[in-house]
Amino acid sequence: MHDVTNTLSLLSASDIQQSFAVYLKQQRKIKKLSRSVLAERSTVPMSTIKKFETTGKISLRQLLLLWQSLDDLTRLQALLNSVESKSSFPKTIDEVLIS
């Protein structure tokens, strides 16, 4: 069973979805890509890109395909790696003292 620590956050899931949409739309415009060109590059349908940019709703798979076309997926992976390293608790007193 996973140890889940609940913390109070004023952010909702839809806030984060919208932040992804705003960020990726900005990246698309910076790179001067139309939705149709991005659709070709990412294999995400243009109608889905439009819906995502206006509502923030998209599947995780399609979000990752868009991210991969507009940014570097290793940046997202780094977020997960930092969580994994924080979740590993010290096993010895030396590990506690070094931290």
PDB file of N, CA and C in Angstrom:
ATOM      1  N   MET A   1       0.836  -1.174   0.000  1.00  0.00           N
ATOM      2  CA  MET A   1       0.000   0.000   0.000  1.00  0.00           C
ATOM      3  C   MET A   1       0.884   1.242   0.000  1.00  0.00           C
ATOM      4  N   HIS A   2       0.489   2.241  -0.779  1.00  0.00           N
ATOM      5  CA  HIS A   2       1.264   3.469  -0.893  1.00  0.00           C
ATOM      6  C   HIS A   2       0.947   4.400   0.260  1.00  0.00           C
ATOM      7  N   ASP A   3       1.975   5.082   0.729  1.00  0.00           N
ATOM      8  CA  ASP A   3       1.802   6.090   1.758  1.00  0.00           C
ATOM      9  C   ASP A   3       1.462   7.398   1.065  1.00  0.00           C
ATOM     10  N   VAL A   4       0.244   7.874   1.229  1.00  0.00           N
ATOM     11  CA  VAL A   4      -0.202   9.094   0.578  1.00  0.00           C
ATOM     12  C   VAL A   4      -0.373  10.169   1.635  1.00  0.00           C
ATOM     13  N   THR A   5       0.343  11.253   1.438  1.00  0.00           N
ATOM     14  CA  THR A   5       0.236  12.371   2.356  1.00  0.00           C
ATOM     15  C   THR A   5      -0.691  13.397   1.721  1.00  0.00           C
ATOM     16  N   ASN A   6      -1.804  13.669   2.378  1.00  0.00           N
ATOM     17  CA  ASN A   6      -2.737  14.652   1.865  1.00  0.00           C
ATOM     18  C   ASN A   6      -2.313  16.041   2.306  1.00  0.00           C
ATOM     19  N   THR A   7      -2.207  16.939   1.343  1.00  0.00           N
ATOM     20  CA  THR A   7      -1.897  18.318   1.653  1.00  0.00           C
ATOM     21  C   THR A   7      -2.966  19.193   1.027  1.00  0.00           C
ATOM     22  N   LEU A   8      -3.244  20.295   1.677  1.00  0.00           N
ATOM     23  CA  LEU A   8      -4.243  21.222   1.184  1.00  0.00           C
ATOM     24  C   LEU A   8      -3.693  21.963  -0.015  1.00  0.00           C
ATOM     25  N   SER A   9      -4.438  21.966  -1.094  1.00  0.00           N
ATOM     26  CA  SER A   9      -4.040  22.690  -2.296  1.00  0.00           C
ATOM     27  C   SER A   9      -5.254  23.389  -2.860  1.00  0.00           C
ATOM     28  N   LEU A  10      -5.061  24.591  -3.297  1.00  0.00           N
ATOM     29  CA  LEU A  10      -6.149  25.329  -3.919  1.00  0.00           C
ATOM     30  C   LEU A  10      -6.247  25.029  -5.411  1.00  0.00           C
ATOM     31  N   LEU A  11      -5.305  24.248  -5.929  1.00  0.00           N
ATOM     32  CA  LEU A  11      -5.328  23.864  -7.339  1.00  0.00           C
ATOM     33  C   LEU A  11      -6.246  22.670  -7.539  1.00  0.00           C
ATOM     34  N   SER A  12      -6.977  22.709  -8.626  1.00  0.00           N
ATOM     35  CA  SER A  12      -7.811  21.557  -8.974  1.00  0.00           C
ATOM     36  C   SER A  12      -7.199  20.864 -10.192  1.00  0.00           C
ATOM     37  N   ALA A  13      -7.693  19.696 -10.483  1.00  0.00           N
ATOM     38  CA  ALA A  13      -7.226  18.971 -11.668  1.00  0.00           C
ATOM     39  C   ALA A  13      -7.484  19.796 -12.922  1.00  0.00           C
ATOM     40  N   SER A  14      -8.620  20.474 -12.993  1.00  0.00           N
ATOM     41  CA  SER A  14      -8.901  21.270 -14.192  1.00  0.00           C
ATOM     42  C   SER A  14      -7.990  22.488 -14.290  1.00  0.00           C
ATOM     43  N   ASP A  15      -7.532  23.025 -13.153  1.00  0.00           N
ATOM     44  CA  ASP A  15      -6.546  24.115 -13.189  1.00  0.00           C
ATOM     45  C   ASP A  15      -5.263  23.638 -13.860  1.00  0.00           C
ATOM     46  N   ILE A  16      -4.822  22.443 -13.505  1.00  0.00           N
ATOM     47  CA  ILE A  16      -3.589  21.889 -14.070  1.00  0.00           C
ATOM     48  C   ILE A  16      -3.788  21.569 -15.553  1.00  0.00           C
ATOM     49  N   GLN A  17      -4.942  20.998 -15.898  1.00  0.00           N
ATOM     50  CA  GLN A  17      -5.237  20.717 -17.303  1.00  0.00           C
ATOM     51  C   GLN A  17      -5.169  22.000 -18.123  1.00  0.00           C
ATOM     52  N   GLN A  18      -5.763  23.062 -17.610  1.00  0.00           N
ATOM     53  CA  GLN A  18      -5.773  24.339 -18.322  1.00  0.00           C
ATOM     54  C   GLN A  18      -4.360  24.905 -18.429  1.00  0.00           C
ATOM     55  N   SER A  19      -3.553  24.715 -17.395  1.00  0.00           N
ATOM     56  CA  SER A  19      -2.161  25.185 -17.444  1.00  0.00           C
ATOM     57  C   SER A  19      -1.379  24.455 -18.537  1.00  0.00           C
ATOM     58  N   PHE A  20      -1.588  23.145 -18.660  1.00  0.00           N
ATOM     59  CA  PHE A  20      -0.956  22.393 -19.742  1.00  0.00           C
ATOM     60  C   PHE A  20      -1.407  22.947 -21.091  1.00  0.00           C
ATOM     61  N   ALA A  21      -2.699  23.204 -21.236  1.00  0.00           N
ATOM     62  CA  ALA A  21      -3.234  23.706 -22.501  1.00  0.00           C
ATOM     63  C   ALA A  21      -2.629  25.063 -22.859  1.00  0.00           C
ATOM     64  N   VAL A  22      -2.562  25.956 -21.887  1.00  0.00           N
ATOM     65  CA  VAL A  22      -2.002  27.287 -22.132  1.00  0.00           C
ATOM     66  C   VAL A  22      -0.524  27.168 -22.515  1.00  0.00           C
ATOM     67  N   TYR A  23       0.220  26.370 -21.771  1.00  0.00           N
ATOM     68  CA  TYR A  23       1.654  26.213 -22.041  1.00  0.00           C
ATOM     69  C   TYR A  23       1.891  25.653 -23.438  1.00  0.00           C
ATOM     70  N   LEU A  24       1.199  24.577 -23.786  1.00  0.00           N
ATOM     71  CA  LEU A  24       1.448  23.957 -25.084  1.00  0.00           C
ATOM     72  C   LEU A  24       0.958  24.836 -26.231  1.00  0.00           C
ATOM     73  N   LYS A  25      -0.111  25.583 -26.030  1.00  0.00           N
ATOM     74  CA  LYS A  25      -0.571  26.522 -27.056  1.00  0.00           C
ATOM     75  C   LYS A  25       0.480  27.612 -27.265  1.00  0.00           C
ATOM     76  N   GLN A  26       1.060  28.109 -26.176  1.00  0.00           N
ATOM     77  CA  GLN A  26       2.131  29.107 -26.283  1.00  0.00           C
ATOM     78  C   GLN A  26       3.324  28.540 -27.039  1.00  0.00           C
ATOM     79  N   GLN A  27       3.692  27.298 -26.730  1.00  0.00           N
ATOM     80  CA  GLN A  27       4.815  26.662 -27.423  1.00  0.00           C
ATOM     81  C   GLN A  27       4.518  26.502 -28.912  1.00  0.00           C
ATOM     82  N   ARG A  28       3.289  26.145 -29.231  1.00  0.00           N
ATOM     83  CA  ARG A  28       2.895  25.997 -30.645  1.00  0.00           C
ATOM     84  C   ARG A  28       3.039  27.331 -31.371  1.00  0.00           C
ATOM     85  N   LYS A  29       2.592  28.402 -30.728  1.00  0.00           N
ATOM     86  CA  LYS A  29       2.665  29.725 -31.365  1.00  0.00           C
ATOM     87  C   LYS A  29       4.100  30.227 -31.457  1.00  0.00           C
ATOM     88  N   ILE A  30       4.908  29.969 -30.438  1.00  0.00           N
ATOM     89  CA  ILE A  30       6.322  30.361 -30.480  1.00  0.00           C
ATOM     90  C   ILE A  30       7.022  29.684 -31.644  1.00  0.00           C
ATOM     91  N   LYS A  31       6.679  28.424 -31.870  1.00  0.00           N
ATOM     92  CA  LYS A  31       7.294  27.659 -32.959  1.00  0.00           C
ATOM     93  C   LYS A  31       6.612  27.933 -34.302  1.00  0.00           C
ATOM     94  N   LYS A  32       5.602  28.837 -34.268  1.00  0.00           N
ATOM     95  CA  LYS A  32       4.867  29.235 -35.476  1.00  0.00           C
ATOM     96  C   LYS A  32       4.262  28.040 -36.211  1.00  0.00           C
ATOM     97  N   LEU A  33       3.644  27.160 -35.432  1.00  0.00           N
ATOM     98  CA  LEU A  33       2.981  25.985 -36.003  1.00  0.00           C
ATOM     99  C   LEU A  33       1.471  26.184 -35.987  1.00  0.00           C
ATOM    100  N   SER A  34       0.838  25.857 -37.062  1.00  0.00           N
ATOM    101  CA  SER A  34      -0.627  25.849 -37.071  1.00  0.00           C
ATOM    102  C   SER A  34      -1.100  24.571 -36.386  1.00  0.00           C
ATOM    103  N   ARG A  35      -2.362  24.545 -36.051  1.00  0.00           N
ATOM    104  CA  ARG A  35      -2.903  23.313 -35.457  1.00  0.00           C
ATOM    105  C   ARG A  35      -2.800  22.154 -36.432  1.00  0.00           C
ATOM    106  N   SER A  36      -3.000  22.438 -37.719  1.00  0.00           N
ATOM    107  CA  SER A  36      -2.953  21.338 -38.699  1.00  0.00           C
ATOM    108  C   SER A  36      -1.535  20.767 -38.826  1.00  0.00           C
ATOM    109  N   VAL A  37      -0.524  21.616 -38.784  1.00  0.00           N
ATOM    110  CA  VAL A  37       0.859  21.122 -38.845  1.00  0.00           C
ATOM    111  C   VAL A  37       1.186  20.330 -37.576  1.00  0.00           C
ATOM    112  N   LEU A  38       0.766  20.854 -36.430  1.00  0.00           N
ATOM    113  CA  LEU A  38       0.991  20.128 -35.172  1.00  0.00           C
ATOM    114  C   LEU A  38       0.272  18.785 -35.193  1.00  0.00           C
ATOM    115  N   ALA A  39      -0.914  18.759 -35.757  1.00  0.00           N
ATOM    116  CA  ALA A  39      -1.660  17.497 -35.861  1.00  0.00           C
ATOM    117  C   ALA A  39      -0.882  16.473 -36.675  1.00  0.00           C
ATOM    118  N   GLU A  40      -0.294  16.912 -37.774  1.00  0.00           N
ATOM    119  CA  GLU A  40       0.507  16.001 -38.598  1.00  0.00           C
ATOM    120  C   GLU A  40       1.733  15.496 -37.837  1.00  0.00           C
ATOM    121  N   ARG A  41       2.407  16.395 -37.151  1.00  0.00           N
ATOM    122  CA  ARG A  41       3.633  16.017 -36.428  1.00  0.00           C
ATOM    123  C   ARG A  41       3.357  15.110 -35.233  1.00  0.00           C
ATOM    124  N   SER A  42       2.253  15.365 -34.545  1.00  0.00           N
ATOM    125  CA  SER A  42       1.991  14.654 -33.293  1.00  0.00           C
ATOM    126  C   SER A  42       1.087  13.435 -33.454  1.00  0.00           C
ATOM    127  N   THR A  43       0.388  13.353 -34.547  1.00  0.00           N
ATOM    128  CA  THR A  43      -0.650  12.345 -34.820  1.00  0.00           C
ATOM    129  C   THR A  43      -1.905  12.549 -33.965  1.00  0.00           C
ATOM    130  N   VAL A  44      -2.016  13.692 -33.304  1.00  0.00           N
ATOM    131  CA  VAL A  44      -3.225  14.035 -32.554  1.00  0.00           C
ATOM    132  C   VAL A  44      -4.128  14.808 -33.510  1.00  0.00           C
ATOM    133  N   PRO A  45      -5.389  14.404 -33.661  1.00  0.00           N
ATOM    134  CA  PRO A  45      -6.284  15.101 -34.595  1.00  0.00           C
ATOM    135  C   PRO A  45      -6.397  16.600 -34.291  1.00  0.00           C
ATOM    136  N   MET A  46      -6.506  17.393 -35.352  1.00  0.00           N
ATOM    137  CA  MET A  46      -6.610  18.837 -35.204  1.00  0.00           C
ATOM    138  C   MET A  46      -7.807  19.232 -34.337  1.00  0.00           C
ATOM    139  N   SER A  47      -8.911  18.517 -34.461  1.00  0.00           N
ATOM    140  CA  SER A  47     -10.093  18.826 -33.643  1.00  0.00           C
ATOM    141  C   SER A  47      -9.810  18.594 -32.153  1.00  0.00           C
ATOM    142  N   THR A  48      -9.005  17.599 -31.855  1.00  0.00           N
ATOM    143  CA  THR A  48      -8.632  17.326 -30.463  1.00  0.00           C
ATOM    144  C   THR A  48      -7.723  18.421 -29.932  1.00  0.00           C
ATOM    145  N   ILE A  49      -6.802  18.895 -30.777  1.00  0.00           N
ATOM    146  CA  ILE A  49      -5.911  19.987 -30.363  1.00  0.00           C
ATOM    147  C   ILE A  49      -6.729  21.235 -30.070  1.00  0.00           C
ATOM    148  N   LYS A  50      -7.681  21.546 -30.930  1.00  0.00           N
ATOM    149  CA  LYS A  50      -8.531  22.724 -30.715  1.00  0.00           C
ATOM    150  C   LYS A  50      -9.311  22.587 -29.409  1.00  0.00           C
ATOM    151  N   LYS A  51      -9.900  21.421 -29.187  1.00  0.00           N
ATOM    152  CA  LYS A  51     -10.659  21.181 -27.954  1.00  0.00           C
ATOM    153  C   LYS A  51      -9.746  21.309 -26.730  1.00  0.00           C
ATOM    154  N   PHE A  52      -8.553  20.747 -26.827  1.00  0.00           N
ATOM    155  CA  PHE A  52      -7.600  20.820 -25.723  1.00  0.00           C
ATOM    156  C   PHE A  52      -7.215  22.262 -25.416  1.00  0.00           C
ATOM    157  N   GLU A  53      -6.919  23.032 -26.459  1.00  0.00           N
ATOM    158  CA  GLU A  53      -6.501  24.415 -26.246  1.00  0.00           C
ATOM    159  C   GLU A  53      -7.616  25.283 -25.670  1.00  0.00           C
ATOM    160  N   THR A  54      -8.854  24.904 -25.885  1.00  0.00           N
ATOM    161  CA  THR A  54      -9.961  25.716 -25.365  1.00  0.00           C
ATOM    162  C   THR A  54     -10.518  25.199 -24.041  1.00  0.00           C
ATOM    163  N   THR A  55     -10.422  23.887 -23.808  1.00  0.00           N
ATOM    164  CA  THR A  55     -11.027  23.322 -22.587  1.00  0.00           C
ATOM    165  C   THR A  55     -10.023  22.695 -21.633  1.00  0.00           C
ATOM    166  N   GLY A  56      -8.849  22.315 -22.145  1.00  0.00           N
ATOM    167  CA  GLY A  56      -7.871  21.613 -21.327  1.00  0.00           C
ATOM    168  C   GLY A  56      -8.100  20.120 -21.274  1.00  0.00           C
ATOM    169  N   LYS A  57      -9.126  19.640 -21.938  1.00  0.00           N
ATOM    170  CA  LYS A  57      -9.451  18.208 -21.887  1.00  0.00           C
ATOM    171  C   LYS A  57      -8.753  17.452 -23.014  1.00  0.00           C
ATOM    172  N   ILE A  58      -8.052  16.373 -22.594  1.00  0.00           N
ATOM    173  CA  ILE A  58      -7.313  15.541 -23.540  1.00  0.00           C
ATOM    174  C   ILE A  58      -6.894  14.271 -22.813  1.00  0.00           C
ATOM    175  N   SER A  59      -6.639  13.219 -23.564  1.00  0.00           N
ATOM    176  CA  SER A  59      -6.150  11.994 -22.925  1.00  0.00           C
ATOM    177  C   SER A  59      -4.670  12.176 -22.567  1.00  0.00           C
ATOM    178  N   LEU A  60      -4.204  11.412 -21.610  1.00  0.00           N
ATOM    179  CA  LEU A  60      -2.796  11.488 -21.220  1.00  0.00           C
ATOM    180  C   LEU A  60      -1.899  11.144 -22.405  1.00  0.00           C
ATOM    181  N   ARG A  61      -2.249  10.127 -23.148  1.00  0.00           N
ATOM    182  CA  ARG A  61      -1.450   9.706 -24.305  1.00  0.00           C
ATOM    183  C   ARG A  61      -1.322  10.849 -25.305  1.00  0.00           C
ATOM    184  N   GLN A  62      -2.432  11.513 -25.601  1.00  0.00           N
ATOM    185  CA  GLN A  62      -2.392  12.602 -26.568  1.00  0.00           C
ATOM    186  C   GLN A  62      -1.648  13.820 -26.014  1.00  0.00           C
ATOM    187  N   LEU A  63      -1.781  14.068 -24.718  1.00  0.00           N
ATOM    188  CA  LEU A  63      -1.015  15.143 -24.090  1.00  0.00           C
ATOM    189  C   LEU A  63       0.480  14.894 -24.268  1.00  0.00           C
ATOM    190  N   LEU A  64       0.902  13.662 -24.045  1.00  0.00           N
ATOM    191  CA  LEU A  64       2.312  13.325 -24.185  1.00  0.00           C
ATOM    192  C   LEU A  64       2.784  13.430 -25.639  1.00  0.00           C
ATOM    193  N   LEU A  65       1.925  13.060 -26.577  1.00  0.00           N
ATOM    194  CA  LEU A  65       2.284  13.205 -27.993  1.00  0.00           C
ATOM    195  C   LEU A  65       2.462  14.675 -28.358  1.00  0.00           C
ATOM    196  N   LEU A  66       1.587  15.534 -27.860  1.00  0.00           N
ATOM    197  CA  LEU A  66       1.723  16.969 -28.124  1.00  0.00           C
ATOM    198  C   LEU A  66       2.977  17.514 -27.451  1.00  0.00           C
ATOM    199  N   TRP A  67       3.180  17.121 -26.193  1.00  0.00           N
ATOM    200  CA  TRP A  67       4.357  17.597 -25.466  1.00  0.00           C
ATOM    201  C   TRP A  67       5.629  17.197 -26.213  1.00  0.00           C
ATOM    202  N   GLN A  68       5.660  15.973 -26.669  1.00  0.00           N
ATOM    203  CA  GLN A  68       6.833  15.472 -27.383  1.00  0.00           C
ATOM    204  C   GLN A  68       7.080  16.276 -28.658  1.00  0.00           C
ATOM    205  N   SER A  69       6.032  16.764 -29.284  1.00  0.00           N
ATOM    206  CA  SER A  69       6.164  17.538 -30.512  1.00  0.00           C
ATOM    207  C   SER A  69       6.561  18.988 -30.244  1.00  0.00           C
ATOM    208  N   LEU A  70       6.299  19.479 -29.043  1.00  0.00           N
ATOM    209  CA  LEU A  70       6.529  20.894 -28.738  1.00  0.00           C
ATOM    210  C   LEU A  70       7.602  21.144 -27.688  1.00  0.00           C
ATOM    211  N   ASP A  71       7.964  20.127 -26.937  1.00  0.00           N
ATOM    212  CA  ASP A  71       8.908  20.294 -25.837  1.00  0.00           C
ATOM    213  C   ASP A  71       9.677  18.986 -25.685  1.00  0.00           C
ATOM    214  N   ASP A  72      10.373  18.845 -24.589  1.00  0.00           N
ATOM    215  CA  ASP A  72      11.208  17.672 -24.345  1.00  0.00           C
ATOM    216  C   ASP A  72      10.563  16.817 -23.256  1.00  0.00           C
ATOM    217  N   LEU A  73      10.232  15.588 -23.571  1.00  0.00           N
ATOM    218  CA  LEU A  73       9.593  14.696 -22.597  1.00  0.00           C
ATOM    219  C   LEU A  73      10.466  14.425 -21.376  1.00  0.00           C
ATOM    220  N   THR A  74      11.774  14.568 -21.527  1.00  0.00           N
ATOM    221  CA  THR A  74      12.641  14.319 -20.367  1.00  0.00           C
ATOM    222  C   THR A  74      12.381  15.342 -19.257  1.00  0.00           C
ATOM    223  N   ARG A  75      11.846  16.517 -19.599  1.00  0.00           N
ATOM    224  CA  ARG A  75      11.499  17.493 -18.556  1.00  0.00           C
ATOM    225  C   ARG A  75      10.366  16.964 -17.677  1.00  0.00           C
ATOM    226  N   LEU A  76       9.385  16.310 -18.286  1.00  0.00           N
ATOM    227  CA  LEU A  76       8.314  15.699 -17.496  1.00  0.00           C
ATOM    228  C   LEU A  76       8.837  14.515 -16.703  1.00  0.00           C
ATOM    229  N   GLN A  77       9.694  13.720 -17.324  1.00  0.00           N
ATOM    230  CA  GLN A  77      10.276  12.571 -16.629  1.00  0.00           C
ATOM    231  C   GLN A  77      11.083  13.028 -15.424  1.00  0.00           C
ATOM    232  N   ALA A  78      11.755  14.161 -15.540  1.00  0.00           N
ATOM    233  CA  ALA A  78      12.543  14.693 -14.427  1.00  0.00           C
ATOM    234  C   ALA A  78      11.662  15.011 -13.225  1.00  0.00           C
ATOM    235  N   LEU A  79      10.440  15.473 -13.468  1.00  0.00           N
ATOM    236  CA  LEU A  79       9.512  15.723 -12.367  1.00  0.00           C
ATOM    237  C   LEU A  79       9.219  14.435 -11.611  1.00  0.00           C
ATOM    238  N   LEU A  80       9.009  13.363 -12.351  1.00  0.00           N
ATOM    239  CA  LEU A  80       8.720  12.078 -11.720  1.00  0.00           C
ATOM    240  C   LEU A  80       9.939  11.545 -10.992  1.00  0.00           C
ATOM    241  N   ASN A  81      11.109  11.727 -11.572  1.00  0.00           N
ATOM    242  CA  ASN A  81      12.336  11.270 -10.922  1.00  0.00           C
ATOM    243  C   ASN A  81      12.573  12.007  -9.621  1.00  0.00           C
ATOM    244  N   SER A  82      12.248  13.305  -9.581  1.00  0.00           N
ATOM    245  CA  SER A  82      12.456  14.058  -8.346  1.00  0.00           C
ATOM    246  C   SER A  82      11.497  13.589  -7.264  1.00  0.00           C
ATOM    247  N   VAL A  83      10.295  13.178  -7.636  1.00  0.00           N
ATOM    248  CA  VAL A  83       9.340  12.636  -6.666  1.00  0.00           C
ATOM    249  C   VAL A  83       9.830  11.299  -6.137  1.00  0.00           C
ATOM    250  N   GLU A  84      10.347  10.460  -7.038  1.00  0.00           N
ATOM    251  CA  GLU A  84      10.862   9.154  -6.617  1.00  0.00           C
ATOM    252  C   GLU A  84      12.017   9.310  -5.645  1.00  0.00           C
ATOM    253  N   SER A  85      12.906  10.259  -5.910  1.00  0.00           N
ATOM    254  CA  SER A  85      14.059  10.410  -5.018  1.00  0.00           C
ATOM    255  C   SER A  85      13.642  10.982  -3.672  1.00  0.00           C
ATOM    256  N   LYS A  86      12.617  11.825  -3.646  1.00  0.00           N
ATOM    257  CA  LYS A  86      12.133  12.370  -2.379  1.00  0.00           C
ATOM    258  C   LYS A  86      11.404  11.323  -1.551  1.00  0.00           C
ATOM    259  N   SER A  87      10.812  10.354  -2.222  1.00  0.00           N
ATOM    260  CA  SER A  87      10.021   9.365  -1.498  1.00  0.00           C
ATOM    261  C   SER A  87      10.865   8.244  -0.901  1.00  0.00           C
ATOM    262  N   SER A  88      12.144   8.188  -1.262  1.00  0.00           N
ATOM    263  CA  SER A  88      12.976   7.136  -0.678  1.00  0.00           C
ATOM    264  C   SER A  88      13.509   7.635   0.669  1.00  0.00           C
ATOM    265  N   PHE A  89      13.127   6.949   1.695  1.00  0.00           N
ATOM    266  CA  PHE A  89      13.503   7.336   3.045  1.00  0.00           C
ATOM    267  C   PHE A  89      14.881   6.799   3.382  1.00  0.00           C
ATOM    268  N   PRO A  90      15.613   7.510   4.233  1.00  0.00           N
ATOM    269  CA  PRO A  90      16.928   7.024   4.645  1.00  0.00           C
ATOM    270  C   PRO A  90      16.812   5.654   5.311  1.00  0.00           C
ATOM    271  N   LYS A  91      17.795   4.818   5.041  1.00  0.00           N
ATOM    272  CA  LYS A  91      17.785   3.463   5.609  1.00  0.00           C
ATOM    273  C   LYS A  91      18.817   3.306   6.717  1.00  0.00           C
ATOM    274  N   THR A  92      19.775   4.228   6.768  1.00  0.00           N
ATOM    275  CA  THR A  92      20.809   4.151   7.801  1.00  0.00           C
ATOM    276  C   THR A  92      20.975   5.519   8.449  1.00  0.00           C
ATOM    277  N   ILE A  93      21.625   5.552   9.590  1.00  0.00           N
ATOM    278  CA  ILE A  93      21.890   6.813  10.276  1.00  0.00           C
ATOM    279  C   ILE A  93      22.831   7.680   9.452  1.00  0.00           C
ATOM    280  N   ASP A  94      23.746   7.049   8.724  1.00  0.00           N
ATOM    281  CA  ASP A  94      24.666   7.818   7.860  1.00  0.00           C
ATOM    282  C   ASP A  94      23.904   8.566   6.772  1.00  0.00           C
ATOM    283  N   GLU A  95      22.877   7.924   6.192  1.00  0.00           N
ATOM    284  CA  GLU A  95      22.062   8.590   5.183  1.00  0.00           C
ATOM    285  C   GLU A  95      21.313   9.779   5.789  1.00  0.00           C
ATOM    286  N   VAL A  96      20.889   9.665   7.018  1.00  0.00           N
ATOM    287  CA  VAL A  96      20.215  10.768   7.693  1.00  0.00           C
ATOM    288  C   VAL A  96      21.182  11.915   7.918  1.00  0.00           C
ATOM    289  N   LEU A  97      22.386  11.610   8.377  1.00  0.00           N
ATOM    290  CA  LEU A  97      23.377  12.637   8.680  1.00  0.00           C
ATOM    291  C   LEU A  97      23.878  13.344   7.425  1.00  0.00           C
ATOM    292  N   ILE A  98      23.949  12.628   6.298  1.00  0.00           N
ATOM    293  CA  ILE A  98      24.418  13.217   5.051  1.00  0.00           C
ATOM    294  C   ILE A  98      23.377  14.177   4.491  1.00  0.00           C
ATOM    295  N   SER A  99      22.120  13.906   4.677  1.00  0.00           N
ATOM    296  CA  SER A  99      21.072  14.759   4.117  1.00  0.00           C
ATOM    297  C   SER A  99      21.031  16.038   4.774  1.00  0.00           C
TER     298      SER A  99
END
